[in-house]
């Protein structure tokens, strides 16, 4: 798994203490042994909030269904598949909130 330190650090800076702890623990696990297959879920190509995340997977943190999420993009490098970190954040906010979800952050980073 490949993490971009600048993106990860930016996500941690805006996270709550609980969120930052969940993200750091997941990163340590994933870098040590990869993301467990049973925790990976396919992102919808186009989500209900308008996020377009084709070729992306998500994990709920803490597992199995925590309030935080991490979006990972599947990429092929040298003929081998790998996962690349895209974003971390809250999976869903209350409907009246204008806060960006992890899916919105990932969409913005991938689509510009």
PDB file of N, CA and C in Angstrom:
ATOM      1  N   UNK A   1       0.853  -1.170   0.000  1.00  0.00           N
ATOM      2  CA  UNK A   1       0.000   0.000   0.000  1.00  0.00           C
ATOM      3  C   UNK A   1       0.896   1.229   0.000  1.00  0.00           C
ATOM      4  N   UNK A   2       0.478   2.238  -0.776  1.00  0.00           N
ATOM      5  CA  UNK A   2       1.268   3.458  -0.913  1.00  0.00           C
ATOM      6  C   UNK A   2       0.502   4.631  -0.276  1.00  0.00           C
ATOM      7  N   UNK A   3       1.148   5.298   0.659  1.00  0.00           N
ATOM      8  CA  UNK A   3       0.562   6.466   1.312  1.00  0.00           C
ATOM      9  C   UNK A   3       1.313   7.723   0.882  1.00  0.00           C
ATOM     10  N   UNK A   4       0.574   8.765   0.565  1.00  0.00           N
ATOM     11  CA  UNK A   4       1.144  10.085   0.303  1.00  0.00           C
ATOM     12  C   UNK A   4       1.150  10.800   1.653  1.00  0.00           C
ATOM     13  N   UNK A   5       2.333  11.054   2.199  1.00  0.00           N
ATOM     14  CA  UNK A   5       2.433  11.653   3.526  1.00  0.00           C
ATOM     15  C   UNK A   5       1.736  13.003   3.626  1.00  0.00           C
ATOM     16  N   UNK A   6       1.844  13.831   2.597  1.00  0.00           N
ATOM     17  CA  UNK A   6       1.228  15.159   2.640  1.00  0.00           C
ATOM     18  C   UNK A   6      -0.292  15.060   2.708  1.00  0.00           C
ATOM     19  N   UNK A   7      -0.882  14.188   1.895  1.00  0.00           N
ATOM     20  CA  UNK A   7      -2.337  14.012   1.921  1.00  0.00           C
ATOM     21  C   UNK A   7      -2.785  13.424   3.255  1.00  0.00           C
ATOM     22  N   UNK A   8      -2.091  12.401   3.707  1.00  0.00           N
ATOM     23  CA  UNK A   8      -2.442  11.760   4.974  1.00  0.00           C
ATOM     24  C   UNK A   8      -2.341  12.766   6.123  1.00  0.00           C
ATOM     25  N   UNK A   9      -1.258  13.519   6.177  1.00  0.00           N
ATOM     26  CA  UNK A   9      -1.074  14.510   7.239  1.00  0.00           C
ATOM     27  C   UNK A   9      -2.162  15.578   7.205  1.00  0.00           C
ATOM     28  N   UNK A  10      -2.559  16.015   6.010  1.00  0.00           N
ATOM     29  CA  UNK A  10      -3.627  17.011   5.884  1.00  0.00           C
ATOM     30  C   UNK A  10      -4.941  16.459   6.432  1.00  0.00           C
ATOM     31  N   UNK A  11      -5.216  15.193   6.147  1.00  0.00           N
ATOM     32  CA  UNK A  11      -6.447  14.579   6.647  1.00  0.00           C
ATOM     33  C   UNK A  11      -6.424  14.423   8.154  1.00  0.00           C
ATOM     34  N   UNK A  12      -5.270  14.076   8.701  1.00  0.00           N
ATOM     35  CA  UNK A  12      -5.128  13.904  10.150  1.00  0.00           C
ATOM     36  C   UNK A  12      -5.292  15.243  10.868  1.00  0.00           C
ATOM     37  N   UNK A  13      -4.772  16.309  10.279  1.00  0.00           N
ATOM     38  CA  UNK A  13      -4.850  17.637  10.903  1.00  0.00           C
ATOM     39  C   UNK A  13      -6.286  18.101  11.099  1.00  0.00           C
ATOM     40  N   UNK A  14      -7.179  17.759  10.193  1.00  0.00           N
ATOM     41  CA  UNK A  14      -8.557  18.219  10.315  1.00  0.00           C
ATOM     42  C   UNK A  14      -9.463  17.211  11.007  1.00  0.00           C
ATOM     43  N   UNK A  15      -8.909  16.046  11.359  1.00  0.00           N
ATOM     44  CA  UNK A  15      -9.694  14.989  12.012  1.00  0.00           C
ATOM     45  C   UNK A  15      -9.793  15.224  13.517  1.00  0.00           C
ATOM     46  N   UNK A  16     -10.812  14.638  14.098  1.00  0.00           N
ATOM     47  CA  UNK A  16     -10.923  14.641  15.558  1.00  0.00           C
ATOM     48  C   UNK A  16      -9.830  13.736  16.121  1.00  0.00           C
ATOM     49  N   UNK A  17      -9.665  13.774  17.424  1.00  0.00           N
ATOM     50  CA  UNK A  17      -8.658  12.916  18.057  1.00  0.00           C
ATOM     51  C   UNK A  17      -8.970  11.444  17.784  1.00  0.00           C
ATOM     52  N   UNK A  18     -10.243  11.072  17.887  1.00  0.00           N
ATOM     53  CA  UNK A  18     -10.642   9.685  17.625  1.00  0.00           C
ATOM     54  C   UNK A  18     -10.390   9.310  16.166  1.00  0.00           C
ATOM     55  N   UNK A  19     -10.673  10.238  15.259  1.00  0.00           N
ATOM     56  CA  UNK A  19     -10.443   9.979  13.842  1.00  0.00           C
ATOM     57  C   UNK A  19      -8.967   9.821  13.528  1.00  0.00           C
ATOM     58  N   UNK A  20      -8.156  10.715  14.068  1.00  0.00           N
ATOM     59  CA  UNK A  20      -6.713  10.642  13.828  1.00  0.00           C
ATOM     60  C   UNK A  20      -6.142   9.332  14.358  1.00  0.00           C
ATOM     61  N   UNK A  21      -6.612   8.911  15.522  1.00  0.00           N
ATOM     62  CA  UNK A  21      -6.145   7.652  16.103  1.00  0.00           C
ATOM     63  C   UNK A  21      -6.537   6.467  15.215  1.00  0.00           C
ATOM     64  N   UNK A  22      -7.768   6.466  14.705  1.00  0.00           N
ATOM     65  CA  UNK A  22      -8.233   5.385  13.826  1.00  0.00           C
ATOM     66  C   UNK A  22      -7.422   5.353  12.533  1.00  0.00           C
ATOM     67  N   UNK A  23      -7.140   6.518  11.970  1.00  0.00           N
ATOM     68  CA  UNK A  23      -6.376   6.585  10.716  1.00  0.00           C
ATOM     69  C   UNK A  23      -4.945   6.118  10.913  1.00  0.00           C
ATOM     70  N   UNK A  24      -4.303   6.559  11.979  1.00  0.00           N
ATOM     71  CA  UNK A  24      -2.919   6.149  12.234  1.00  0.00           C
ATOM     72  C   UNK A  24      -2.820   4.640  12.477  1.00  0.00           C
ATOM     73  N   UNK A  25      -3.771   4.087  13.235  1.00  0.00           N
ATOM     74  CA  UNK A  25      -3.766   2.646  13.508  1.00  0.00           C
ATOM     75  C   UNK A  25      -3.961   1.861  12.218  1.00  0.00           C
ATOM     76  N   UNK A  26      -4.873   2.323  11.363  1.00  0.00           N
ATOM     77  CA  UNK A  26      -5.109   1.635  10.091  1.00  0.00           C
ATOM     78  C   UNK A  26      -3.865   1.706   9.210  1.00  0.00           C
ATOM     79  N   UNK A  27      -3.258   2.874   9.127  1.00  0.00           N
ATOM     80  CA  UNK A  27      -2.059   3.000   8.296  1.00  0.00           C
ATOM     81  C   UNK A  27      -0.970   2.049   8.773  1.00  0.00           C
ATOM     82  N   UNK A  28      -0.771   1.975  10.074  1.00  0.00           N
ATOM     83  CA  UNK A  28       0.255   1.085  10.615  1.00  0.00           C
ATOM     84  C   UNK A  28      -0.045  -0.373  10.242  1.00  0.00           C
ATOM     85  N   UNK A  29      -1.309  -0.779  10.378  1.00  0.00           N
ATOM     86  CA  UNK A  29      -1.695  -2.144  10.014  1.00  0.00           C
ATOM     87  C   UNK A  29      -1.502  -2.398   8.522  1.00  0.00           C
ATOM     88  N   UNK A  30      -1.956  -1.454   7.697  1.00  0.00           N
ATOM     89  CA  UNK A  30      -1.917  -1.632   6.246  1.00  0.00           C
ATOM     90  C   UNK A  30      -0.491  -1.631   5.712  1.00  0.00           C
ATOM     91  N   UNK A  31       0.357  -0.787   6.258  1.00  0.00           N
ATOM     92  CA  UNK A  31       1.749  -0.767   5.802  1.00  0.00           C
ATOM     93  C   UNK A  31       2.490  -2.017   6.269  1.00  0.00           C
ATOM     94  N   UNK A  32       2.067  -2.578   7.396  1.00  0.00           N
ATOM     95  CA  UNK A  32       2.722  -3.764   7.922  1.00  0.00           C
ATOM     96  C   UNK A  32       2.314  -5.049   7.225  1.00  0.00           C
ATOM     97  N   UNK A  33       1.062  -5.137   6.803  1.00  0.00           N
ATOM     98  CA  UNK A  33       0.600  -6.389   6.211  1.00  0.00           C
ATOM     99  C   UNK A  33      -0.435  -6.231   5.125  1.00  0.00           C
ATOM    100  N   UNK A  34      -0.639  -5.026   4.655  1.00  0.00           N
ATOM    101  CA  UNK A  34      -1.652  -4.792   3.627  1.00  0.00           C
ATOM    102  C   UNK A  34      -3.035  -4.681   4.237  1.00  0.00           C
ATOM    103  N   UNK A  35      -3.963  -4.230   3.434  1.00  0.00           N
ATOM    104  CA  UNK A  35      -5.348  -4.096   3.888  1.00  0.00           C
ATOM    105  C   UNK A  35      -6.028  -5.464   3.795  1.00  0.00           C
ATOM    106  N   UNK A  36      -6.611  -5.947   4.890  1.00  0.00           N
ATOM    107  CA  UNK A  36      -7.289  -7.243   4.844  1.00  0.00           C
ATOM    108  C   UNK A  36      -8.441  -7.230   3.838  1.00  0.00           C
ATOM    109  N   UNK A  37      -8.500  -8.245   3.006  1.00  0.00           N
ATOM    110  CA  UNK A  37      -9.534  -8.318   1.964  1.00  0.00           C
ATOM    111  C   UNK A  37     -10.939  -8.229   2.525  1.00  0.00           C
ATOM    112  N   UNK A  38     -11.158  -8.816   3.693  1.00  0.00           N
ATOM    113  CA  UNK A  38     -12.517  -8.809   4.248  1.00  0.00           C
ATOM    114  C   UNK A  38     -12.938  -7.428   4.758  1.00  0.00           C
ATOM    115  N   UNK A  39     -12.014  -6.463   4.813  1.00  0.00           N
ATOM    116  CA  UNK A  39     -12.355  -5.103   5.217  1.00  0.00           C
ATOM    117  C   UNK A  39     -12.560  -4.179   4.014  1.00  0.00           C
ATOM    118  N   UNK A  40     -12.117  -4.597   2.837  1.00  0.00           N
ATOM    119  CA  UNK A  40     -12.221  -3.763   1.635  1.00  0.00           C
ATOM    120  C   UNK A  40     -13.611  -3.861   1.034  1.00  0.00           C
ATOM    121  N   UNK A  41     -14.160  -2.702   0.686  1.00  0.00           N
ATOM    122  CA  UNK A  41     -15.469  -2.636   0.026  1.00  0.00           C
ATOM    123  C   UNK A  41     -15.315  -1.808  -1.240  1.00  0.00           C
ATOM    124  N   UNK A  42     -16.041  -2.186  -2.252  1.00  0.00           N
ATOM    125  CA  UNK A  42     -16.005  -1.453  -3.511  1.00  0.00           C
ATOM    126  C   UNK A  42     -16.771  -0.145  -3.373  1.00  0.00           C
ATOM    127  N   UNK A  43     -16.171   0.960  -3.775  1.00  0.00           N
ATOM    128  CA  UNK A  43     -16.881   2.242  -3.812  1.00  0.00           C
ATOM    129  C   UNK A  43     -17.828   2.225  -5.010  1.00  0.00           C
ATOM    130  N   UNK A  44     -18.954   2.874  -4.859  1.00  0.00           N
ATOM    131  CA  UNK A  44     -19.851   3.030  -5.996  1.00  0.00           C
ATOM    132  C   UNK A  44     -19.153   3.911  -7.021  1.00  0.00           C
ATOM    133  N   UNK A  45     -19.294   3.574  -8.300  1.00  0.00           N
ATOM    134  CA  UNK A  45     -18.680   4.395  -9.346  1.00  0.00           C
ATOM    135  C   UNK A  45     -19.185   5.829  -9.243  1.00  0.00           C
ATOM    136  N   UNK A  46     -20.472   5.991  -8.921  1.00  0.00           N
ATOM    137  CA  UNK A  46     -21.033   7.317  -8.657  1.00  0.00           C
ATOM    138  C   UNK A  46     -21.948   7.197  -7.455  1.00  0.00           C
ATOM    139  N   UNK A  47     -21.536   7.824  -6.356  1.00  0.00           N
ATOM    140  CA  UNK A  47     -22.280   7.734  -5.108  1.00  0.00           C
ATOM    141  C   UNK A  47     -23.477   8.658  -5.058  1.00  0.00           C
ATOM    142  N   UNK A  48     -24.293   8.464  -4.038  1.00  0.00           N
ATOM    143  CA  UNK A  48     -25.513   9.254  -3.873  1.00  0.00           C
ATOM    144  C   UNK A  48     -25.229  10.734  -3.658  1.00  0.00           C
ATOM    145  N   UNK A  49     -24.038  11.070  -3.174  1.00  0.00           N
ATOM    146  CA  UNK A  49     -23.674  12.469  -2.954  1.00  0.00           C
ATOM    147  C   UNK A  49     -22.997  13.076  -4.182  1.00  0.00           C
ATOM    148  N   UNK A  50     -22.899  12.289  -5.265  1.00  0.00           N
ATOM    149  CA  UNK A  50     -22.284  12.784  -6.496  1.00  0.00           C
ATOM    150  C   UNK A  50     -20.807  12.484  -6.634  1.00  0.00           C
ATOM    151  N   UNK A  51     -20.219  11.834  -5.642  1.00  0.00           N
ATOM    152  CA  UNK A  51     -18.793  11.494  -5.729  1.00  0.00           C
ATOM    153  C   UNK A  51     -18.593  10.400  -6.774  1.00  0.00           C
ATOM    154  N   UNK A  52     -17.653  10.614  -7.652  1.00  0.00           N
ATOM    155  CA  UNK A  52     -17.318   9.634  -8.682  1.00  0.00           C
ATOM    156  C   UNK A  52     -15.999   8.985  -8.301  1.00  0.00           C
ATOM    157  N   UNK A  53     -16.059   7.709  -7.921  1.00  0.00           N
ATOM    158  CA  UNK A  53     -14.890   7.005  -7.409  1.00  0.00           C
ATOM    159  C   UNK A  53     -14.703   5.646  -8.085  1.00  0.00           C
ATOM    160  N   UNK A  54     -14.625   5.621  -9.413  1.00  0.00           N
ATOM    161  CA  UNK A  54     -14.390   4.334 -10.071  1.00  0.00           C
ATOM    162  C   UNK A  54     -12.990   3.822  -9.731  1.00  0.00           C
ATOM    163  N   UNK A  55     -12.831   2.524  -9.714  1.00  0.00           N
ATOM    164  CA  UNK A  55     -11.544   1.874  -9.413  1.00  0.00           C
ATOM    165  C   UNK A  55     -11.062   2.186  -8.002  1.00  0.00           C
ATOM    166  N   UNK A  56     -12.013   2.448  -7.100  1.00  0.00           N
ATOM    167  CA  UNK A  56     -11.650   2.754  -5.714  1.00  0.00           C
ATOM    168  C   UNK A  56     -12.296   1.769  -4.760  1.00  0.00           C
ATOM    169  N   UNK A  57     -11.617   1.573  -3.644  1.00  0.00           N
ATOM    170  CA  UNK A  57     -12.111   0.745  -2.555  1.00  0.00           C
ATOM    171  C   UNK A  57     -12.174   1.598  -1.303  1.00  0.00           C
ATOM    172  N   UNK A  58     -12.952   1.154  -0.335  1.00  0.00           N
ATOM    173  CA  UNK A  58     -13.055   1.881   0.926  1.00  0.00           C
ATOM    174  C   UNK A  58     -12.949   0.894   2.072  1.00  0.00           C
ATOM    175  N   UNK A  59     -12.510   1.413   3.205  1.00  0.00           N
ATOM    176  CA  UNK A  59     -12.505   0.652   4.447  1.00  0.00           C
ATOM    177  C   UNK A  59     -13.185   1.509   5.509  1.00  0.00           C
ATOM    178  N   UNK A  60     -13.941   0.868   6.368  1.00  0.00           N
ATOM    179  CA  UNK A  60     -14.604   1.543   7.468  1.00  0.00           C
ATOM    180  C   UNK A  60     -13.702   1.435   8.693  1.00  0.00           C
ATOM    181  N   UNK A  61     -13.509   2.546   9.371  1.00  0.00           N
ATOM    182  CA  UNK A  61     -12.609   2.593  10.515  1.00  0.00           C
ATOM    183  C   UNK A  61     -13.297   3.167  11.741  1.00  0.00           C
ATOM    184  N   UNK A  62     -13.080   2.598  12.901  1.00  0.00           N
ATOM    185  CA  UNK A  62     -12.464   1.288  13.063  1.00  0.00           C
ATOM    186  C   UNK A  62     -13.393   0.208  12.529  1.00  0.00           C
ATOM    187  N   UNK A  63     -12.798  -0.928  12.113  1.00  0.00           N
ATOM    188  CA  UNK A  63     -13.607  -2.013  11.564  1.00  0.00           C
ATOM    189  C   UNK A  63     -14.535  -2.576  12.644  1.00  0.00           C
ATOM    190  N   UNK A  64     -15.660  -3.125  12.304  1.00  0.00           N
ATOM    191  CA  UNK A  64     -16.104  -3.404  10.947  1.00  0.00           C
ATOM    192  C   UNK A  64     -16.951  -2.297  10.328  1.00  0.00           C
ATOM    193  N   UNK A  65     -17.478  -1.361  11.122  1.00  0.00           N
ATOM    194  CA  UNK A  65     -18.390  -0.364  10.543  1.00  0.00           C
ATOM    195  C   UNK A  65     -18.282   0.982  11.245  1.00  0.00           C
ATOM    196  N   UNK A  66     -17.061   1.418  11.539  1.00  0.00           N
ATOM    197  CA  UNK A  66     -16.840   2.687  12.238  1.00  0.00           C
ATOM    198  C   UNK A  66     -17.339   3.889  11.460  1.00  0.00           C
ATOM    199  N   UNK A  67     -17.364   5.036  12.116  1.00  0.00           N
ATOM    200  CA  UNK A  67     -17.892   6.249  11.484  1.00  0.00           C
ATOM    201  C   UNK A  67     -16.910   6.912  10.535  1.00  0.00           C
ATOM    202  N   UNK A  68     -15.662   6.443  10.537  1.00  0.00           N
ATOM    203  CA  UNK A  68     -14.647   7.009   9.651  1.00  0.00           C
ATOM    204  C   UNK A  68     -14.401   6.063   8.481  1.00  0.00           C
ATOM    205  N   UNK A  69     -13.805   6.614   7.429  1.00  0.00           N
ATOM    206  CA  UNK A  69     -13.496   5.793   6.273  1.00  0.00           C
ATOM    207  C   UNK A  69     -12.212   6.233   5.609  1.00  0.00           C
ATOM    208  N   UNK A  70     -11.643   5.325   4.846  1.00  0.00           N
ATOM    209  CA  UNK A  70     -10.451   5.601   4.056  1.00  0.00           C
ATOM    210  C   UNK A  70     -10.753   5.123   2.643  1.00  0.00           C
ATOM    211  N   UNK A  71     -10.453   5.966   1.666  1.00  0.00           N
ATOM    212  CA  UNK A  71     -10.646   5.601   0.262  1.00  0.00           C
ATOM    213  C   UNK A  71      -9.280   5.306  -0.341  1.00  0.00           C
ATOM    214  N   UNK A  72      -9.213   4.197  -1.062  1.00  0.00           N
ATOM    215  CA  UNK A  72      -7.984   3.725  -1.693  1.00  0.00           C
ATOM    216  C   UNK A  72      -8.250   3.517  -3.175  1.00  0.00           C
ATOM    217  N   UNK A  73      -7.282   3.843  -3.996  1.00  0.00           N
ATOM    218  CA  UNK A  73      -7.440   3.650  -5.439  1.00  0.00           C
ATOM    219  C   UNK A  73      -6.592   2.466  -5.883  1.00  0.00           C
ATOM    220  N   UNK A  74      -7.183   1.633  -6.711  1.00  0.00           N
ATOM    221  CA  UNK A  74      -6.461   0.499  -7.272  1.00  0.00           C
ATOM    222  C   UNK A  74      -5.664   1.003  -8.471  1.00  0.00           C
ATOM    223  N   UNK A  75      -4.367   0.694  -8.483  1.00  0.00           N
ATOM    224  CA  UNK A  75      -3.532   1.078  -9.615  1.00  0.00           C
ATOM    225  C   UNK A  75      -2.587  -0.060  -9.954  1.00  0.00           C
ATOM    226  N   UNK A  76      -2.132  -0.082 -11.195  1.00  0.00           N
ATOM    227  CA  UNK A  76      -1.201  -1.106 -11.652  1.00  0.00           C
ATOM    228  C   UNK A  76       0.144  -0.441 -11.901  1.00  0.00           C
ATOM    229  N   UNK A  77       1.167  -0.967 -11.243  1.00  0.00           N
ATOM    230  CA  UNK A  77       2.526  -0.444 -11.376  1.00  0.00           C
ATOM    231  C   UNK A  77       3.443  -1.627 -11.679  1.00  0.00           C
ATOM    232  N   UNK A  78       4.123  -1.568 -12.807  1.00  0.00           N
ATOM    233  CA  UNK A  78       5.028  -2.653 -13.181  1.00  0.00           C
ATOM    234  C   UNK A  78       4.326  -3.990 -13.321  1.00  0.00           C
ATOM    235  N   UNK A  79       3.090  -3.947 -13.794  1.00  0.00           N
ATOM    236  CA  UNK A  79       2.340  -5.175 -13.986  1.00  0.00           C
ATOM    237  C   UNK A  79       1.728  -5.762 -12.728  1.00  0.00           C
ATOM    238  N   UNK A  80       1.855  -5.061 -11.604  1.00  0.00           N
ATOM    239  CA  UNK A  80       1.306  -5.539 -10.331  1.00  0.00           C
ATOM    240  C   UNK A  80       0.312  -4.536  -9.777  1.00  0.00           C
ATOM    241  N   UNK A  81      -0.746  -5.052  -9.198  1.00  0.00           N
ATOM    242  CA  UNK A  81      -1.741  -4.191  -8.577  1.00  0.00           C
ATOM    243  C   UNK A  81      -1.298  -3.732  -7.205  1.00  0.00           C
ATOM    244  N   UNK A  82      -1.657  -2.514  -6.881  1.00  0.00           N
ATOM    245  CA  UNK A  82      -1.394  -1.990  -5.541  1.00  0.00           C
ATOM    246  C   UNK A  82      -2.490  -1.010  -5.174  1.00  0.00           C
ATOM    247  N   UNK A  83      -2.587  -0.716  -3.908  1.00  0.00           N
ATOM    248  CA  UNK A  83      -3.547   0.268  -3.422  1.00  0.00           C
ATOM    249  C   UNK A  83      -2.816   1.545  -3.065  1.00  0.00           C
ATOM    250  N   UNK A  84      -3.421   2.678  -3.454  1.00  0.00           N
ATOM    251  CA  UNK A  84      -2.849   3.992  -3.158  1.00  0.00           C
ATOM    252  C   UNK A  84      -3.852   4.771  -2.326  1.00  0.00           C
ATOM    253  N   UNK A  85      -3.370   5.348  -1.245  1.00  0.00           N
ATOM    254  CA  UNK A  85      -4.199   6.172  -0.360  1.00  0.00           C
ATOM    255  C   UNK A  85      -4.714   7.397  -1.104  1.00  0.00           C
ATOM    256  N   UNK A  86      -6.018   7.662  -0.930  1.00  0.00           N
ATOM    257  CA  UNK A  86      -6.621   8.848  -1.541  1.00  0.00           C
ATOM    258  C   UNK A  86      -7.123   9.815  -0.473  1.00  0.00           C
ATOM    259  N   UNK A  87      -7.859   9.303   0.532  1.00  0.00           N
ATOM    260  CA  UNK A  87      -8.447  10.213   1.521  1.00  0.00           C
ATOM    261  C   UNK A  87      -8.889   9.467   2.770  1.00  0.00           C
ATOM    262  N   UNK A  88      -9.005  10.233   3.865  1.00  0.00           N
ATOM    263  CA  UNK A  88      -9.542   9.745   5.130  1.00  0.00           C
ATOM    264  C   UNK A  88     -10.491  10.804   5.661  1.00  0.00           C
ATOM    265  N   UNK A  89     -11.558  10.372   6.309  1.00  0.00           N
ATOM    266  CA  UNK A  89     -12.473  11.314   6.946  1.00  0.00           C
ATOM    267  C   UNK A  89     -13.724  10.623   7.439  1.00  0.00           C
ATOM    268  N   UNK A  90     -14.687  11.432   7.828  1.00  0.00           N
ATOM    269  CA  UNK A  90     -15.978  10.927   8.298  1.00  0.00           C
ATOM    270  C   UNK A  90     -16.740  10.397   7.092  1.00  0.00           C
ATOM    271  N   UNK A  91     -17.369   9.220   7.263  1.00  0.00           N
ATOM    272  CA  UNK A  91     -18.096   8.606   6.147  1.00  0.00           C
ATOM    273  C   UNK A  91     -19.367   9.371   5.801  1.00  0.00           C
ATOM    274  N   UNK A  92     -20.141   9.721   6.806  1.00  0.00           N
ATOM    275  CA  UNK A  92     -21.403  10.415   6.545  1.00  0.00           C
ATOM    276  C   UNK A  92     -21.657  11.417   7.661  1.00  0.00           C
ATOM    277  N   UNK A  93     -22.037  12.623   7.268  1.00  0.00           N
ATOM    278  CA  UNK A  93     -22.402  13.668   8.220  1.00  0.00           C
ATOM    279  C   UNK A  93     -23.918  13.776   8.254  1.00  0.00           C
ATOM    280  N   UNK A  94     -24.475  14.435   9.281  1.00  0.00           N
ATOM    281  CA  UNK A  94     -25.923  14.659   9.305  1.00  0.00           C
ATOM    282  C   UNK A  94     -26.357  15.422   8.039  1.00  0.00           C
ATOM    283  N   UNK A  95     -27.570  15.180   7.566  1.00  0.00           N
ATOM    284  CA  UNK A  95     -28.038  15.812   6.326  1.00  0.00           C
ATOM    285  C   UNK A  95     -27.924  17.340   6.309  1.00  0.00           C
ATOM    286  N   UNK A  96     -28.098  17.971   7.464  1.00  0.00           N
ATOM    287  CA  UNK A  96     -28.054  19.442   7.516  1.00  0.00           C
ATOM    288  C   UNK A  96     -26.628  19.993   7.528  1.00  0.00           C
ATOM    289  N   UNK A  97     -25.646  19.120   7.667  1.00  0.00           N
ATOM    290  CA  UNK A  97     -24.252  19.542   7.715  1.00  0.00           C
ATOM    291  C   UNK A  97     -23.723  19.868   6.323  1.00  0.00           C
ATOM    292  N   UNK A  98     -22.867  20.832   6.260  1.00  0.00           N
ATOM    293  CA  UNK A  98     -22.206  21.162   4.997  1.00  0.00           C
ATOM    294  C   UNK A  98     -20.782  20.614   4.957  1.00  0.00           C
ATOM    295  N   UNK A  99     -20.426  19.816   5.956  1.00  0.00           N
ATOM    296  CA  UNK A  99     -19.070  19.266   6.035  1.00  0.00           C
ATOM    297  C   UNK A  99     -18.861  18.230   4.937  1.00  0.00           C
ATOM    298  N   UNK A 100     -17.636  18.161   4.457  1.00  0.00           N
ATOM    299  CA  UNK A 100     -17.286  17.238   3.384  1.00  0.00           C
ATOM    300  C   UNK A 100     -17.018  15.844   3.948  1.00  0.00           C
ATOM    301  N   UNK A 101     -17.545  14.829   3.289  1.00  0.00           N
ATOM    302  CA  UNK A 101     -17.300  13.446   3.697  1.00  0.00           C
ATOM    303  C   UNK A 101     -15.993  12.957   3.078  1.00  0.00           C
ATOM    304  N   UNK A 102     -15.536  11.800   3.512  1.00  0.00           N
ATOM    305  CA  UNK A 102     -14.341  11.201   2.932  1.00  0.00           C
ATOM    306  C   UNK A 102     -14.529  10.974   1.435  1.00  0.00           C
ATOM    307  N   UNK A 103     -15.768  10.682   1.026  1.00  0.00           N
ATOM    308  CA  UNK A 103     -16.040  10.439  -0.392  1.00  0.00           C
ATOM    309  C   UNK A 103     -15.934  11.734  -1.204  1.00  0.00           C
ATOM    310  N   UNK A 104     -16.382  12.823  -0.630  1.00  0.00           N
ATOM    311  CA  UNK A 104     -16.243  14.122  -1.291  1.00  0.00           C
ATOM    312  C   UNK A 104     -14.789  14.542  -1.403  1.00  0.00           C
ATOM    313  N   UNK A 105     -14.025  14.302  -0.350  1.00  0.00           N
ATOM    314  CA  UNK A 105     -12.595  14.626  -0.362  1.00  0.00           C
ATOM    315  C   UNK A 105     -11.896  13.804  -1.443  1.00  0.00           C
ATOM    316  N   UNK A 106     -12.190  12.507  -1.484  1.00  0.00           N
ATOM    317  CA  UNK A 106     -11.574  11.628  -2.489  1.00  0.00           C
ATOM    318  C   UNK A 106     -11.947  12.074  -3.901  1.00  0.00           C
ATOM    319  N   UNK A 107     -13.213  12.400  -4.110  1.00  0.00           N
ATOM    320  CA  UNK A 107     -13.666  12.861  -5.431  1.00  0.00           C
ATOM    321  C   UNK A 107     -12.898  14.111  -5.860  1.00  0.00           C
ATOM    322  N   UNK A 108     -12.802  15.059  -4.942  1.00  0.00           N
ATOM    323  CA  UNK A 108     -12.087  16.320  -5.246  1.00  0.00           C
ATOM    324  C   UNK A 108     -10.633  16.055  -5.591  1.00  0.00           C
ATOM    325  N   UNK A 109      -9.995  15.177  -4.844  1.00  0.00           N
ATOM    326  CA  UNK A 109      -8.577  14.884  -5.100  1.00  0.00           C
ATOM    327  C   UNK A 109      -8.360  14.141  -6.414  1.00  0.00           C
ATOM    328  N   UNK A 110      -9.293  13.273  -6.756  1.00  0.00           N
ATOM    329  CA  UNK A 110      -9.134  12.505  -7.993  1.00  0.00           C
ATOM    330  C   UNK A 110      -9.618  13.257  -9.230  1.00  0.00           C
ATOM    331  N   UNK A 111     -10.591  14.132  -9.051  1.00  0.00           N
ATOM    332  CA  UNK A 111     -11.191  14.841 -10.193  1.00  0.00           C
ATOM    333  C   UNK A 111     -10.745  16.282 -10.329  1.00  0.00           C
ATOM    334  N   UNK A 112     -10.107  16.804  -9.288  1.00  0.00           N
ATOM    335  CA  UNK A 112      -9.616  18.186  -9.339  1.00  0.00           C
ATOM    336  C   UNK A 112     -10.636  19.229  -9.069  1.00  0.00           C
TER     337      UNK A 112
END
